Amino acid sequence: IAESVAENLSGIAIRIEDDVLVTEDGCEILSCGLPTSTAEIEELVGLSK
């Protein structure tokens, strides 16, 4: 299923996933400080120009 979705959206979308560290004491979302909204990502991409 994921491959068919990726093929249909190729070039028009991005996929955002969290990176999670799981330990014996619990878990920590490593990507929690990264931009995820459209506006945040557009701003970040604009900074590289």
N, C-alpha and C. Protein backbone atom coordinates (compact mmCIF):
# COMPACT_ATOMS: atom_id res chain seq x y z
N ILE A 1 0.84 -1.20 0.00
CA ILE A 1 0.00 0.00 0.00
C ILE A 1 0.87 1.24 0.00
N ALA A 2 1.89 1.29 0.84
CA ALA A 2 2.74 2.48 0.93
C ALA A 2 3.40 2.81 -0.39
N GLU A 3 3.83 1.79 -1.13
CA GLU A 3 4.48 2.04 -2.42
C GLU A 3 3.50 2.64 -3.41
N SER A 4 2.25 2.16 -3.45
CA SER A 4 1.27 2.70 -4.39
C SER A 4 0.92 4.14 -4.03
N VAL A 5 0.85 4.45 -2.77
CA VAL A 5 0.60 5.83 -2.36
C VAL A 5 1.77 6.71 -2.75
N ALA A 6 2.97 6.24 -2.50
CA ALA A 6 4.16 7.02 -2.84
C ALA A 6 4.23 7.27 -4.34
N GLU A 7 3.91 6.29 -5.16
CA GLU A 7 3.93 6.48 -6.61
C GLU A 7 2.89 7.50 -7.05
N ASN A 8 1.70 7.45 -6.47
CA ASN A 8 0.64 8.38 -6.84
C ASN A 8 0.96 9.82 -6.44
N LEU A 9 1.71 10.00 -5.39
CA LEU A 9 2.01 11.33 -4.88
C LEU A 9 3.41 11.80 -5.23
N SER A 10 4.12 11.04 -6.01
CA SER A 10 5.50 11.37 -6.35
C SER A 10 5.61 12.77 -6.93
N GLY A 11 6.43 13.59 -6.30
CA GLY A 11 6.66 14.94 -6.78
C GLY A 11 5.70 15.99 -6.26
N ILE A 12 4.66 15.60 -5.53
CA ILE A 12 3.69 16.59 -5.06
C ILE A 12 3.48 16.56 -3.55
N ALA A 13 4.19 15.71 -2.86
CA ALA A 13 3.96 15.58 -1.42
C ALA A 13 5.24 15.19 -0.71
N ILE A 14 5.21 15.36 0.60
CA ILE A 14 6.30 14.86 1.44
C ILE A 14 5.69 13.99 2.52
N ARG A 15 6.48 13.12 3.05
CA ARG A 15 6.03 12.23 4.13
C ARG A 15 6.83 12.59 5.38
N ILE A 16 6.13 12.88 6.45
CA ILE A 16 6.77 13.27 7.70
C ILE A 16 6.53 12.18 8.74
N GLU A 17 7.61 11.70 9.31
CA GLU A 17 7.53 10.68 10.34
C GLU A 17 8.38 11.10 11.53
N ASP A 18 8.01 10.62 12.71
CA ASP A 18 8.80 10.89 13.90
C ASP A 18 9.91 9.87 14.05
N ASP A 19 11.04 10.31 14.58
CA ASP A 19 12.12 9.41 14.99
C ASP A 19 11.99 9.24 16.50
N VAL A 20 11.83 8.00 16.93
CA VAL A 20 11.59 7.71 18.34
C VAL A 20 12.69 6.80 18.88
N LEU A 21 13.26 7.21 20.00
CA LEU A 21 14.25 6.40 20.71
C LEU A 21 13.52 5.64 21.82
N VAL A 22 13.58 4.33 21.77
CA VAL A 22 12.92 3.49 22.78
C VAL A 22 14.00 2.84 23.64
N THR A 23 13.89 3.05 24.95
CA THR A 23 14.84 2.46 25.90
C THR A 23 14.07 1.68 26.96
N GLU A 24 14.79 1.06 27.86
CA GLU A 24 14.15 0.33 28.96
C GLU A 24 13.36 1.26 29.86
N ASP A 25 13.75 2.54 29.92
CA ASP A 25 13.10 3.51 30.81
C ASP A 25 11.95 4.26 30.16
N GLY A 26 11.72 4.06 28.89
CA GLY A 26 10.65 4.77 28.21
C GLY A 26 11.03 5.11 26.79
N CYS A 27 10.49 6.20 26.29
CA CYS A 27 10.80 6.60 24.93
C CYS A 27 10.93 8.12 24.84
N GLU A 28 11.59 8.56 23.78
CA GLU A 28 11.80 9.99 23.54
C GLU A 28 11.62 10.24 22.05
N ILE A 29 10.81 11.23 21.70
CA ILE A 29 10.62 11.59 20.30
C ILE A 29 11.76 12.53 19.92
N LEU A 30 12.67 12.05 19.10
CA LEU A 30 13.87 12.81 18.74
C LEU A 30 13.57 13.93 17.76
N SER A 31 12.51 13.80 17.01
CA SER A 31 12.19 14.79 15.97
C SER A 31 11.15 15.81 16.42
N CYS A 32 10.87 15.91 17.71
CA CYS A 32 9.79 16.77 18.19
C CYS A 32 10.03 18.26 17.92
N GLY A 33 11.27 18.67 17.73
CA GLY A 33 11.55 20.08 17.49
C GLY A 33 11.58 20.48 16.03
N LEU A 34 11.31 19.54 15.14
CA LEU A 34 11.38 19.83 13.71
C LEU A 34 10.06 20.37 13.19
N PRO A 35 10.10 21.19 12.14
CA PRO A 35 8.86 21.74 11.58
C PRO A 35 8.02 20.66 10.92
N THR A 36 6.69 20.76 11.07
CA THR A 36 5.80 19.79 10.44
C THR A 36 4.66 20.44 9.66
N SER A 37 4.34 21.68 9.96
CA SER A 37 3.24 22.32 9.23
C SER A 37 3.73 22.82 7.88
N THR A 38 2.80 23.03 6.98
CA THR A 38 3.13 23.53 5.64
C THR A 38 3.88 24.85 5.74
N ALA A 39 3.38 25.75 6.55
CA ALA A 39 4.01 27.07 6.68
C ALA A 39 5.43 26.97 7.23
N GLU A 40 5.63 26.12 8.23
CA GLU A 40 6.97 25.96 8.81
C GLU A 40 7.95 25.38 7.80
N ILE A 41 7.51 24.41 7.04
CA ILE A 41 8.40 23.78 6.06
C ILE A 41 8.70 24.73 4.92
N GLU A 42 7.69 25.48 4.44
CA GLU A 42 7.92 26.46 3.38
C GLU A 42 8.91 27.53 3.84
N GLU A 43 8.80 27.95 5.09
CA GLU A 43 9.73 28.94 5.62
C GLU A 43 11.15 28.37 5.67
N LEU A 44 11.29 27.15 6.12
CA LEU A 44 12.60 26.51 6.20
C LEU A 44 13.22 26.36 4.81
N VAL A 45 12.45 25.94 3.85
CA VAL A 45 12.94 25.79 2.48
C VAL A 45 13.32 27.15 1.91
N GLY A 46 12.56 28.17 2.22
CA GLY A 46 12.85 29.52 1.74
C GLY A 46 14.15 30.06 2.29
N LEU A 47 14.55 29.63 3.47
CA LEU A 47 15.80 30.09 4.07
C LEU A 47 17.02 29.60 3.32
N SER A 48 16.87 28.52 2.56
CA SER A 48 18.02 27.95 1.85
C SER A 48 18.28 28.62 0.51
N LYS A 49 17.43 29.53 0.10
CA LYS A 49 17.60 30.20 -1.20
C LYS A 49 18.52 31.38 -1.10
